[in-house]
Protein backbone atom coordinates (compact mmCIF):
# COMPACT_ATOMS: atom_id res chain seq x y z
CA MET A 1 70.84 -8.41 -45.27
CA LEU A 2 71.82 -8.78 -41.58
CA SER A 3 74.94 -10.75 -42.48
CA LYS A 4 75.95 -8.06 -44.96
CA MET A 5 75.46 -5.35 -42.36
CA LEU A 6 77.61 -7.30 -39.89
CA THR A 7 80.29 -7.66 -42.55
CA ILE A 8 80.27 -3.91 -43.12
CA SER A 9 80.49 -3.30 -39.35
CA SER A 10 83.46 -5.63 -39.05
CA ARG A 11 85.25 -3.92 -41.94
CA ILE A 12 84.60 -0.50 -40.37
CA ALA A 13 85.93 -1.64 -37.00
CA GLY A 14 89.13 -2.84 -38.67
CA LEU A 15 89.57 0.42 -40.55
CA LEU A 16 89.14 2.39 -37.35
CA LEU A 17 92.23 0.65 -35.98
CA VAL A 18 94.18 1.26 -39.18
CA CYS A 19 93.21 4.91 -39.56
CA ALA A 20 93.49 6.03 -35.94
CA PRO A 21 97.27 6.54 -35.95
CA LEU A 22 97.09 8.50 -39.19
CA LEU A 23 94.78 11.25 -38.05
CA ALA A 24 94.94 11.35 -34.27
CA GLY A 25 94.14 14.85 -33.08
CA GLN A 26 93.23 16.17 -36.53
CA GLU A 27 90.92 19.17 -36.48
CA LEU A 28 87.35 18.87 -37.68
CA PRO A 29 86.68 19.79 -41.31
CA ASN A 30 84.64 22.70 -42.56
CA ILE A 31 81.39 21.61 -44.22
CA VAL A 32 79.59 23.36 -47.10
CA ILE A 33 76.29 22.35 -48.72
CA VAL A 34 75.26 23.84 -52.07
CA TYR A 35 71.55 23.12 -52.19
CA ALA A 36 70.01 23.62 -55.64
CA ASP A 37 66.31 24.07 -56.37
CA ASP A 38 64.30 22.02 -58.91
CA LEU A 39 67.50 20.67 -60.44
CA GLY A 40 66.75 17.37 -62.13
CA PHE A 41 68.75 14.18 -62.49
CA GLY A 42 69.56 15.10 -66.09
CA ASP A 43 70.49 18.74 -65.51
CA ILE A 44 74.20 18.22 -64.79
CA SER A 45 76.36 17.10 -67.70
CA CYS A 46 78.31 14.50 -65.70
CA TYR A 47 74.93 12.83 -65.08
CA ASN A 48 73.63 13.43 -68.59
CA PRO A 49 76.17 13.26 -71.43
CA LYS A 50 73.38 14.36 -73.78
CA ALA A 51 72.70 17.57 -71.86
CA ALA A 52 72.21 20.63 -74.06
CA TYR A 53 74.97 22.48 -72.21
CA LYS A 54 77.99 21.70 -70.04
CA THR A 55 78.45 22.18 -66.31
CA PRO A 56 82.26 22.09 -66.14
CA ARG A 57 82.78 23.14 -62.53
CA ILE A 58 80.26 20.69 -61.07
CA ASP A 59 81.59 17.98 -63.39
CA GLN A 60 85.07 18.72 -62.07
CA MET A 61 83.79 18.51 -58.52
CA ALA A 62 82.37 15.06 -59.27
CA ALA A 63 85.64 13.96 -60.89
CA GLU A 64 87.48 15.02 -57.75
CA GLY A 65 85.07 13.24 -55.41
CA ILE A 66 82.08 10.93 -55.39
CA ARG A 67 78.92 11.07 -57.48
CA PHE A 68 75.78 9.20 -56.38
CA THR A 69 73.50 7.80 -59.06
CA ASP A 70 70.66 6.63 -56.78
CA ALA A 71 70.23 9.61 -54.44
CA HIS A 72 66.80 11.01 -53.58
CA SER A 73 65.05 13.99 -52.08
CA PRO A 74 62.64 13.01 -49.29
CA SER A 75 59.82 14.90 -50.99
CA THR A 76 58.96 15.96 -54.51
CA ILE A 77 58.47 19.61 -53.52
CA CYS A 78 60.74 22.07 -51.80
CA SER A 79 59.51 22.86 -48.27
CA PRO A 80 59.21 19.23 -47.08
CA SER A 81 62.58 18.38 -48.62
CA ARG A 82 64.20 21.24 -46.73
CA TYR A 83 62.72 19.87 -43.53
CA GLY A 84 64.46 16.60 -44.43
CA LEU A 85 67.80 18.34 -44.95
CA TYR A 86 67.73 20.16 -41.64
CA THR A 87 66.25 17.40 -39.44
CA GLY A 88 67.08 14.08 -41.12
CA GLN A 89 63.40 13.13 -41.24
CA VAL A 90 60.57 12.88 -43.78
CA VAL A 91 57.96 15.56 -43.25
CA GLY A 92 55.31 12.93 -42.49
CA ARG A 93 56.87 12.74 -39.02
CA THR A 94 55.41 16.18 -38.26
CA GLY A 95 51.82 15.02 -38.73
CA ARG A 96 51.32 17.85 -41.20
CA GLY A 97 50.64 17.68 -44.91
CA THR A 98 53.15 18.38 -47.65
CA ARG A 99 52.95 21.96 -48.82
CA ALA A 100 55.10 24.83 -50.05
CA PHE A 101 54.71 27.98 -47.97
CA GLU A 102 53.79 31.37 -49.42
CA GLY A 103 53.12 34.77 -47.90
CA PRO A 104 53.51 34.74 -44.11
CA GLY A 105 53.10 30.96 -44.14
CA GLY A 106 53.99 28.83 -41.16
CA PRO A 107 54.68 27.89 -38.46
CA SER A 108 57.91 26.11 -39.23
CA TYR A 109 57.89 22.45 -40.10
CA ILE A 110 60.87 22.21 -37.74
CA GLN A 111 59.46 21.62 -34.27
CA GLU A 112 61.05 22.53 -30.97
CA GLU A 113 61.91 18.93 -30.22
CA ASP A 114 63.60 18.38 -33.60
CA LEU A 115 67.39 18.24 -33.56
CA THR A 116 68.80 20.10 -36.57
CA ILE A 117 72.05 19.59 -38.42
CA ALA A 118 73.11 23.10 -37.40
CA GLU A 119 72.51 22.31 -33.72
CA VAL A 120 74.61 19.16 -34.01
CA LEU A 121 77.50 21.12 -35.46
CA GLN A 122 77.15 24.03 -33.06
CA HIS A 123 77.44 21.52 -30.23
CA GLU A 124 80.74 20.36 -31.71
CA GLY A 125 82.17 23.87 -31.87
CA TYR A 126 81.16 24.97 -35.39
CA ARG A 127 80.05 28.42 -36.45
CA THR A 128 77.08 27.89 -38.72
CA GLY A 129 75.45 29.92 -41.47
CA VAL A 130 72.64 29.61 -44.00
CA PHE A 131 72.20 31.92 -46.97
CA GLY A 132 69.39 31.98 -49.53
CA LYS A 133 66.06 30.23 -49.61
CA TRP A 134 64.75 28.99 -46.23
CA HIS A 135 61.14 27.94 -46.98
CA VAL A 136 60.33 25.61 -44.11
CA GLY A 137 57.71 27.97 -42.69
CA LEU A 138 57.91 30.88 -40.26
CA THR A 139 55.64 32.30 -37.57
CA TRP A 140 54.31 35.81 -38.18
CA TYR A 141 51.94 37.86 -35.99
CA ASP A 142 49.55 40.72 -36.66
CA LYS A 143 49.09 43.82 -34.46
CA ASP A 144 46.78 41.90 -32.11
CA GLY A 145 49.33 39.15 -31.56
CA GLU A 146 47.39 36.63 -33.64
CA ARG A 147 49.41 34.25 -35.81
CA LEU A 148 48.90 34.94 -39.49
CA GLY A 149 48.12 32.25 -42.02
CA GLY A 150 49.72 31.90 -45.43
CA GLY A 151 48.62 33.51 -48.63
CA PHE A 152 49.64 36.74 -50.26
CA LYS A 153 46.91 38.98 -48.82
CA ASN A 154 48.17 38.68 -45.24
CA SER A 155 51.61 40.11 -46.01
CA LEU A 156 50.61 43.68 -45.14
CA LEU A 157 49.13 42.55 -41.81
CA ILE A 158 52.50 41.57 -40.36
CA ASP A 159 53.51 43.39 -37.19
CA TYR A 160 57.29 43.21 -37.50
CA ASP A 161 57.90 44.35 -33.91
CA ARG A 162 55.79 41.47 -32.59
CA SER A 163 57.14 38.93 -35.11
CA THR A 164 60.88 39.53 -34.79
CA PRO A 165 63.28 38.22 -33.82
CA LEU A 166 61.64 35.19 -35.40
CA ILE A 167 60.87 32.42 -32.95
CA ASP A 168 61.33 29.68 -35.56
CA GLY A 169 63.85 31.16 -37.97
CA PRO A 170 67.34 29.79 -38.67
CA ASN A 171 68.94 31.49 -35.66
CA ALA A 172 66.50 29.65 -33.40
CA MET A 173 67.40 26.39 -35.15
CA GLY A 174 71.16 26.33 -34.60
CA PHE A 175 72.48 28.81 -37.16
CA SER A 176 74.94 31.41 -35.89
CA GLU A 177 74.29 33.68 -38.87
CA SER A 178 71.64 33.75 -41.55
CA PHE A 179 70.51 35.79 -44.53
CA ILE A 180 67.39 34.24 -46.01
CA THR A 181 64.14 34.72 -47.83
CA PRO A 182 61.06 33.19 -46.17
CA ASN A 183 59.76 31.55 -49.35
CA CYS A 184 60.93 30.92 -52.92
CA PRO A 185 63.06 34.02 -53.50
CA THR A 186 61.55 35.07 -56.84
CA THR A 187 58.31 33.09 -56.97
CA ASP A 188 56.25 33.46 -53.81
CA PRO A 189 55.71 36.74 -51.97
CA LEU A 190 56.54 37.70 -49.20
CA TYR A 191 59.61 39.18 -50.97
CA ILE A 192 61.81 40.29 -48.07
CA TYR A 193 65.24 39.55 -46.62
CA ILE A 194 65.65 38.27 -43.09
CA GLU A 195 69.05 38.65 -41.46
CA ASN A 196 69.72 36.90 -38.15
CA GLY A 197 66.03 36.71 -37.32
CA MET A 198 65.26 40.32 -38.16
CA VAL A 199 63.58 41.72 -41.27
CA VAL A 200 66.04 44.01 -43.04
CA VAL A 201 63.38 46.19 -44.74
CA PRO A 202 59.64 45.47 -44.34
CA ALA A 203 57.50 44.81 -47.40
CA SER A 204 55.77 47.99 -48.50
CA GLU A 205 55.80 47.97 -52.31
CA ARG A 206 53.66 46.02 -54.74
CA HIS A 207 55.73 43.86 -57.07
CA ARG A 208 54.64 43.73 -60.70
CA ARG A 209 55.98 40.91 -62.82
CA ASN A 210 56.22 43.06 -65.93
CA SER A 211 59.02 44.97 -64.21
CA LEU A 212 61.26 41.94 -64.80
CA PRO A 213 62.81 40.60 -68.02
CA ASN A 214 61.00 37.78 -69.78
CA PRO A 215 63.65 35.61 -71.51
CA GLY A 216 62.31 33.87 -74.58
CA GLY A 217 58.88 35.34 -73.92
CA LYS A 218 57.95 32.63 -71.40
CA TRP A 219 60.62 32.01 -68.76
CA ARG A 220 59.24 34.65 -66.38
CA TRP A 221 56.44 32.16 -65.70
CA ASP A 222 55.53 31.65 -62.01
CA ASN A 223 56.71 35.02 -60.76
CA ASP A 224 53.77 35.87 -58.51
CA GLU A 225 52.82 39.45 -57.84
CA GLY A 226 52.69 40.50 -54.22
CA TRP A 227 54.38 42.60 -51.57
CA LYS A 228 58.10 43.25 -51.49
CA SER A 229 60.75 45.27 -49.72
CA PRO A 230 62.08 48.30 -51.60
CA GLY A 231 65.29 47.32 -53.38
CA TYR A 232 64.50 43.59 -53.39
CA ARG A 233 66.60 41.78 -56.01
CA PHE A 234 65.06 39.26 -58.42
CA VAL A 235 67.34 38.82 -61.42
CA ASP A 236 70.58 38.40 -59.48
CA ALA A 237 69.17 36.71 -56.37
CA ASP A 238 71.79 33.97 -56.36
CA LEU A 239 74.66 36.38 -56.80
CA LEU A 240 73.49 38.00 -53.56
CA PHE A 241 73.23 34.69 -51.73
CA HIS A 242 76.66 33.61 -52.98
CA GLU A 243 78.11 36.96 -51.87
CA LYS A 244 76.68 36.52 -48.37
CA ALA A 245 77.96 32.94 -48.07
CA THR A 246 81.42 33.90 -49.29
CA ALA A 247 81.55 36.86 -46.91
CA PHE A 248 80.68 34.58 -43.99
CA ILE A 249 83.45 32.14 -44.90
CA THR A 250 86.02 34.89 -45.43
CA ASP A 251 85.10 36.65 -42.19
CA HIS A 252 85.18 33.36 -40.34
CA ARG A 253 88.71 32.61 -41.50
CA LYS A 254 89.81 36.08 -40.47
CA ASN A 255 88.18 36.26 -37.05
CA HIS A 256 87.57 32.65 -35.99
CA PRO A 257 90.36 30.58 -37.59
CA GLU A 258 90.44 28.20 -34.63
CA LYS A 259 86.86 27.02 -35.30
CA PRO A 260 85.42 24.96 -38.15
CA PHE A 261 82.43 26.36 -40.05
CA PHE A 262 79.26 24.97 -41.60
CA VAL A 263 77.56 26.79 -44.48
CA VAL A 264 74.40 26.10 -46.47
CA LEU A 265 74.15 28.04 -49.75
CA SER A 266 70.50 27.51 -50.64
CA THR A 267 70.02 28.70 -54.19
CA GLN A 268 67.04 29.84 -56.24
CA ILE A 269 68.40 28.10 -59.34
CA CYS A 270 66.74 26.53 -61.16
CA HIS A 271 63.28 27.23 -59.74
CA ALA A 272 60.84 29.31 -61.75
CA PRO A 273 60.97 32.06 -62.88
CA VAL A 274 64.12 31.53 -64.94
CA LEU A 275 66.03 34.81 -64.62
CA PRO A 276 69.76 34.35 -65.19
CA ALA A 277 71.91 37.27 -64.07
CA PRO A 278 73.05 39.48 -66.96
CA GLU A 279 76.62 38.13 -66.97
CA PHE A 280 75.24 34.65 -67.71
CA SER A 281 72.73 35.59 -70.39
CA ASN A 282 73.40 33.72 -73.66
CA LYS A 283 76.33 31.82 -72.14
CA THR A 284 74.93 28.53 -73.48
CA GLU A 285 73.02 27.44 -76.56
CA ALA A 286 70.22 26.05 -74.42
CA GLY A 287 68.19 29.17 -73.78
CA ALA A 288 67.49 30.94 -70.52
CA ARG A 289 67.31 27.79 -68.42
CA GLY A 290 70.60 26.51 -69.80
CA ASP A 291 72.12 29.88 -68.88
CA PHE A 292 70.53 29.62 -65.43
CA VAL A 293 72.12 26.25 -64.73
CA ARG A 294 75.43 27.60 -66.04
CA GLU A 295 75.12 30.37 -63.44
CA LEU A 296 74.69 27.74 -60.73
CA ASP A 297 77.70 25.88 -62.08
CA THR A 298 79.84 29.02 -62.08
CA LEU A 299 78.80 30.07 -58.57
CA THR A 300 79.60 26.60 -57.27
CA GLY A 301 83.01 26.87 -58.91
CA ARG A 302 83.60 30.32 -57.41
CA LEU A 303 82.79 28.96 -53.98
CA LEU A 304 85.31 26.16 -54.45
CA ASP A 305 87.86 28.73 -55.64
CA THR A 306 87.31 30.73 -52.45
CA LEU A 307 88.22 27.69 -50.38
CA VAL A 308 91.45 27.33 -52.35
CA GLU A 309 92.28 31.03 -52.01
CA LEU A 310 91.77 30.86 -48.25
CA GLY A 311 93.98 27.78 -48.00
CA ILE A 312 91.23 25.58 -46.57
CA ASP A 313 90.27 23.52 -49.61
CA GLU A 314 91.78 20.29 -48.29
CA ASN A 315 90.01 20.63 -44.96
CA THR A 316 86.55 21.29 -46.35
CA LEU A 317 83.86 18.77 -47.24
CA VAL A 318 81.57 20.16 -49.95
CA LEU A 319 78.22 18.57 -50.82
CA PHE A 320 76.17 19.45 -53.90
CA HIS A 321 72.52 18.37 -53.93
CA SER A 322 68.99 19.26 -55.13
CA ASP A 323 65.63 19.45 -53.34
CA ASN A 324 63.52 17.60 -55.95
CA GLY A 325 63.13 16.92 -59.65
CA PRO A 326 62.64 19.49 -62.44
CA GLU A 327 59.59 21.70 -62.78
CA THR A 328 56.93 20.49 -65.25
CA LEU A 329 56.91 23.38 -67.72
CA HIS A 330 60.71 23.59 -67.55
CA THR A 331 61.00 19.92 -68.39
CA VAL A 332 58.55 20.13 -71.28
CA TRP A 333 60.05 23.31 -72.76
CA MET A 334 63.63 22.05 -72.50
CA ARG A 335 62.64 18.82 -74.25
CA GLU A 336 60.76 20.66 -76.99
CA ASP A 337 63.15 23.57 -77.54
CA HIS A 338 66.58 22.13 -76.83
CA ASP A 339 66.28 18.33 -76.85
CA HIS A 340 67.35 18.41 -73.21
CA ASP A 341 65.81 16.00 -70.70
CA ALA A 342 66.04 17.58 -67.25
CA ALA A 343 64.69 14.36 -65.72
CA GLY A 344 67.53 12.36 -67.24
CA GLY A 345 65.33 9.75 -68.93
CA LEU A 346 63.34 9.01 -65.78
CA ARG A 347 59.57 8.93 -65.58
CA GLY A 348 57.99 11.87 -63.81
CA MET A 349 58.93 15.41 -62.79
CA LYS A 350 58.62 17.66 -59.75
CA ARG A 351 55.64 16.64 -57.57
CA ASP A 352 55.52 13.07 -58.94
CA GLY A 353 56.23 9.94 -56.93
CA TRP A 354 57.97 8.42 -59.95
CA GLU A 355 61.75 8.59 -60.09
CA GLY A 356 61.94 11.85 -62.03
CA GLY A 357 60.27 13.60 -59.12
CA HIS A 358 62.84 12.71 -56.48
CA ARG A 359 65.98 11.06 -57.92
CA VAL A 360 68.45 13.95 -57.97
CA PRO A 361 72.18 14.72 -58.16
CA LEU A 362 74.32 14.25 -55.07
CA ILE A 363 78.05 14.95 -55.22
CA ALA A 364 80.61 15.13 -52.42
CA ARG A 365 84.17 16.42 -52.58
CA TRP A 366 86.85 16.48 -49.88
CA PRO A 367 90.40 16.55 -51.26
CA ASN A 368 92.70 13.82 -50.01
CA ARG A 369 89.87 12.24 -48.03
CA ILE A 370 87.21 11.21 -50.56
CA PRO A 371 88.70 9.10 -53.37
CA THR A 372 88.57 10.79 -56.75
CA GLY A 373 86.31 9.79 -59.60
CA HIS A 374 84.12 7.42 -57.61
CA VAL A 375 80.58 6.73 -58.81
CA SER A 376 78.30 5.06 -56.28
CA ALA A 377 74.97 3.32 -56.84
CA GLN A 378 74.32 3.17 -53.09
CA LEU A 379 70.81 4.23 -52.15
CA ALA A 380 70.96 7.67 -50.51
CA SER A 381 68.63 10.39 -49.28
CA THR A 382 68.83 14.06 -48.35
CA THR A 383 67.91 12.95 -44.84
CA ASP A 384 71.21 11.03 -44.61
CA ILE A 385 73.29 14.19 -44.64
CA LEU A 386 72.58 14.83 -40.95
CA ALA A 387 73.65 11.40 -39.66
CA THR A 388 76.66 11.40 -41.99
CA VAL A 389 77.86 14.78 -40.72
CA ALA A 390 77.14 13.80 -37.11
CA SER A 391 79.19 10.64 -37.59
CA LEU A 392 82.08 12.59 -39.06
CA VAL A 393 82.27 15.06 -36.17
CA GLY A 394 81.80 12.36 -33.53
CA HIS A 395 78.32 13.40 -32.37
CA GLU A 396 76.12 10.59 -31.06
CA LEU A 397 72.54 11.14 -32.16
CA PRO A 398 69.71 10.58 -29.69
CA GLU A 399 67.41 7.73 -30.66
CA GLU A 400 64.48 10.10 -31.16
CA ALA A 401 66.40 12.39 -33.53
CA ALA A 402 66.88 12.16 -37.30
CA VAL A 403 64.85 8.97 -37.50
CA ASP A 404 65.19 8.69 -41.29
CA SER A 405 68.93 9.39 -41.44
CA PHE A 406 71.59 6.80 -42.30
CA ASP A 407 75.34 7.27 -41.91
CA LEU A 408 76.89 7.36 -45.39
CA LEU A 409 80.37 8.35 -44.24
CA PRO A 410 81.89 4.95 -45.16
CA VAL A 411 80.41 5.35 -48.65
CA LEU A 412 81.86 8.83 -49.04
CA LEU A 413 85.29 7.59 -48.01
CA GLY A 414 85.16 4.62 -50.37
CA VAL A 415 85.40 1.81 -47.81
CA THR A 416 82.13 0.02 -48.63
CA ASN A 417 81.47 -2.40 -51.45
CA GLU A 418 78.76 -1.44 -53.88
CA ASP A 419 77.05 -4.81 -53.45
CA GLU A 420 76.73 -4.24 -49.69
CA PRO A 421 73.93 -1.69 -49.30
CA VAL A 422 74.11 0.71 -46.38
CA ARG A 423 70.41 1.49 -46.76
CA PRO A 424 68.02 -1.48 -46.79
CA HIS A 425 65.09 0.80 -47.57
CA LEU A 426 64.17 4.43 -48.32
CA LEU A 427 61.05 6.57 -47.88
CA THR A 428 59.95 9.42 -50.14
CA GLN A 429 56.74 11.44 -50.29
CA SER A 430 54.99 12.91 -53.32
CA PHE A 431 53.18 16.24 -53.65
CA ARG A 432 50.04 14.83 -52.03
CA GLY A 433 52.04 13.37 -49.15
CA GLU A 434 51.62 9.78 -50.32
CA TYR A 435 54.56 7.46 -49.68
CA GLN A 436 56.94 5.61 -51.94
CA LEU A 437 59.17 2.85 -50.53
CA ARG A 438 62.38 1.45 -51.99
CA CYS A 439 63.78 -1.93 -50.95
CA GLY A 440 66.80 -2.74 -53.04
CA ASN A 441 65.75 -2.48 -56.68
CA TRP A 442 62.07 -2.77 -55.84
CA LYS A 443 59.87 0.28 -55.51
CA TYR A 444 56.37 0.38 -54.07
CA LEU A 445 54.11 3.43 -54.50
CA ASP A 446 51.25 3.53 -52.02
CA HIS A 447 48.96 5.27 -54.48
CA LYS A 448 47.68 5.21 -58.03
CA GLY A 449 49.09 7.52 -60.66
CA SER A 450 51.81 10.09 -60.26
CA GLY A 451 51.02 11.29 -56.76
CA GLY A 452 51.44 14.81 -58.09
CA ASN A 453 50.89 16.06 -61.63
CA ASP A 454 47.72 15.51 -63.66
CA TYR A 455 48.78 13.66 -66.81
CA SER A 456 45.38 14.11 -68.43
CA ARG A 457 46.13 17.80 -68.95
CA GLU A 458 47.14 18.86 -72.45
CA LEU A 459 50.66 19.82 -71.36
CA MET A 460 51.34 16.49 -69.65
CA ALA A 461 49.35 14.12 -71.86
CA PRO A 462 52.27 13.34 -74.21
CA TYR A 463 54.12 11.84 -71.23
CA ALA A 464 51.27 9.69 -69.93
CA LEU A 465 51.89 5.95 -70.09
CA PRO A 466 49.22 3.23 -70.29
CA GLU A 467 48.39 1.62 -66.96
CA LEU A 468 48.88 -2.13 -67.43
CA ALA A 469 47.21 -2.94 -64.10
CA PRO A 470 44.19 -0.58 -64.03
CA THR A 471 42.53 -2.32 -61.08
CA ALA A 472 45.62 -2.02 -58.86
CA THR A 473 45.37 0.37 -55.90
CA GLY A 474 49.10 1.02 -55.91
CA GLN A 475 52.24 0.42 -57.97
CA LEU A 476 55.20 -1.93 -57.78
CA TYR A 477 58.22 -1.77 -60.07
CA ASP A 478 61.46 -3.68 -60.47
CA LEU A 479 63.81 -0.78 -61.19
CA GLU A 480 66.65 -3.09 -62.17
CA LYS A 481 64.66 -4.25 -65.17
CA ASP A 482 62.29 -1.31 -65.54
CA LEU A 483 63.87 1.97 -64.47
CA GLY A 484 61.24 3.82 -66.51
CA GLU A 485 58.46 2.46 -64.24
CA THR A 486 56.37 1.21 -67.15
CA ARG A 487 55.31 -2.26 -65.96
CA ASN A 488 53.24 -2.23 -62.78
CA LEU A 489 53.74 -5.58 -60.99
CA PHE A 490 51.33 -4.77 -58.13
CA LEU A 491 49.00 -7.68 -58.98
CA THR A 492 51.49 -10.25 -60.24
CA GLU A 493 54.06 -9.90 -57.40
CA ARG A 494 51.56 -10.18 -54.56
CA LYS A 495 53.89 -11.56 -51.87
CA ARG A 496 56.56 -8.96 -52.47
CA ARG A 497 53.96 -6.20 -52.54
CA GLU A 498 52.38 -7.36 -49.28
CA LYS A 499 55.78 -7.54 -47.61
CA MET A 500 56.60 -3.99 -48.69
CA GLN A 501 53.18 -2.75 -47.62
CA ALA A 502 53.71 -4.22 -44.16
CA LEU A 503 57.16 -2.63 -43.93
CA LEU A 504 55.78 0.74 -45.01
CA THR A 505 53.12 0.55 -42.29
CA LYS A 506 55.81 -0.18 -39.72
CA LEU A 507 58.20 2.56 -40.86
CA THR A 508 55.54 5.28 -41.01
CA ALA A 509 53.68 4.40 -37.82
CA PRO A 510 53.54 6.94 -34.96
CA ASN A 511 56.98 6.86 -33.32
CA GLY A 512 58.20 4.80 -36.28
CA ARG A 513 61.63 5.17 -37.85
CA SER A 514 63.42 4.01 -40.96
CA ALA A 515 66.98 4.59 -39.70
CA PRO A 516 68.83 2.04 -37.55
CA ASN A 517 68.90 2.26 -33.78
CA LYS A 518 72.06 2.94 -31.79
CA ARG A 519 73.97 4.77 -34.48
CA ILE A 520 77.58 5.01 -33.38
CA PRO A 521 79.52 7.98 -34.76
CA LEU A 522 82.76 7.07 -36.48
CA GLY A 523 84.57 10.36 -35.94
CA MET A 524 87.68 11.74 -37.56
CA LYS A 525 89.72 8.74 -36.48
CA PHE A 526 87.89 6.84 -39.21
CA VAL A 527 88.97 9.24 -41.97
CA ARG A 528 91.95 7.95 -43.93
CA SER A 529 94.43 10.41 -45.35
CA LEU A 530 94.93 9.54 -49.00
CA GLU A 531 98.07 10.04 -51.02
CA PRO A 532 98.63 13.68 -52.04
CA ARG A 533 97.44 14.46 -55.55
């Protein structure tokens, strides 16, 4: 492995010399992340040719850039994965358990000492914005100045004058502008909008789920009743978030054309409840959830169109990614009703430590910089986005920051060989916070069972597999030969298992890290200008 890494370093050093004259003095690119919710490995048609619908705009994006086939969320639920996106670290580094916040839940997973991707880019002159679902926890106070705990019942106890501007909201974490919801936008009260650290309209009305449509008689599932702001929008939540993101980009180009921008469009799609906006209803033959994913596809395409219309398409890196695998009921219903496998043939779903819980789409597009039509099997994680972006903009990361983040810029630009892995290992965490470790094609799960869902329940029982090593305390799979994780080699591959267990202990120890030390940013001088299309 060391010799391969040295080979890669030598190749990179040579390319730096070749590329430097081509792009000397070139301005930094704009960066956009479209971050989907509960979108599985099989939910995009370029990943799943058997999908029950098509996603033409995202497929086109992949054809015009790079598509990763072995990319992973750092957690199998949303809040910890979002921590990974913003900080480049698995949530286990916080010392807190894995959970999804609801009500006035917090404080933020992001700690004061954490360096965020937005702070990195602000330091390099970017204006930064985040629009949509935040969900990494927020600090709220009651009238006595006491911090409130999560749960729906505490929502009416919030003292908005004491709580805002939020001390741990996006604007305190490096974002110049923000328009967010504290939790899942249509699932978990508190249903309010927060703009630049301030609550737009406090929650004062009781939401009733029967006020919303119920596509197919079941897709309104998981819309919790609780407190909301008057005028809060459920059915077209993502149209609102897209509108805010587009307005930020358009305003930026008008008033700050000399600066690059960074935008995160954090969608609700395709989290429960499944409520496609009216213009997308019945647009596919795959029911409400198929229509919902089509809405995501269309909004992604509209965002790309905006970049073209503003004349900045060729100087904008766009990343498309998901926070974890598909929801359980969604997966089951889509299989039963539409012969659509949202997990893409993988074992497991959202919350599970098996591949279906955390192997997700990752696509990157940057015209005339990222080679077209490339498909990469390089191991990748959400946490890598921070180090990759930092490398691109020439920002040297402190050793204590983003300790689970690898620089994938050479992979994006097509200058690495597929048989020379950039990542020697990868950490993920399941719903219960238990770890999974990848080393090459080998995967070790430091727990029995799924790590998340209960497969003895009637709903999940059809997808339970026999345990061939019932006395094993963990799981070990050779994904090259057994991508479905059916043959547990924990007992028969003892030496390999013990080696991976020792590595896991080292990587997850206090002050541990999985990323390399002394990461050197490559900068724009490394970016080769390709032939015009």
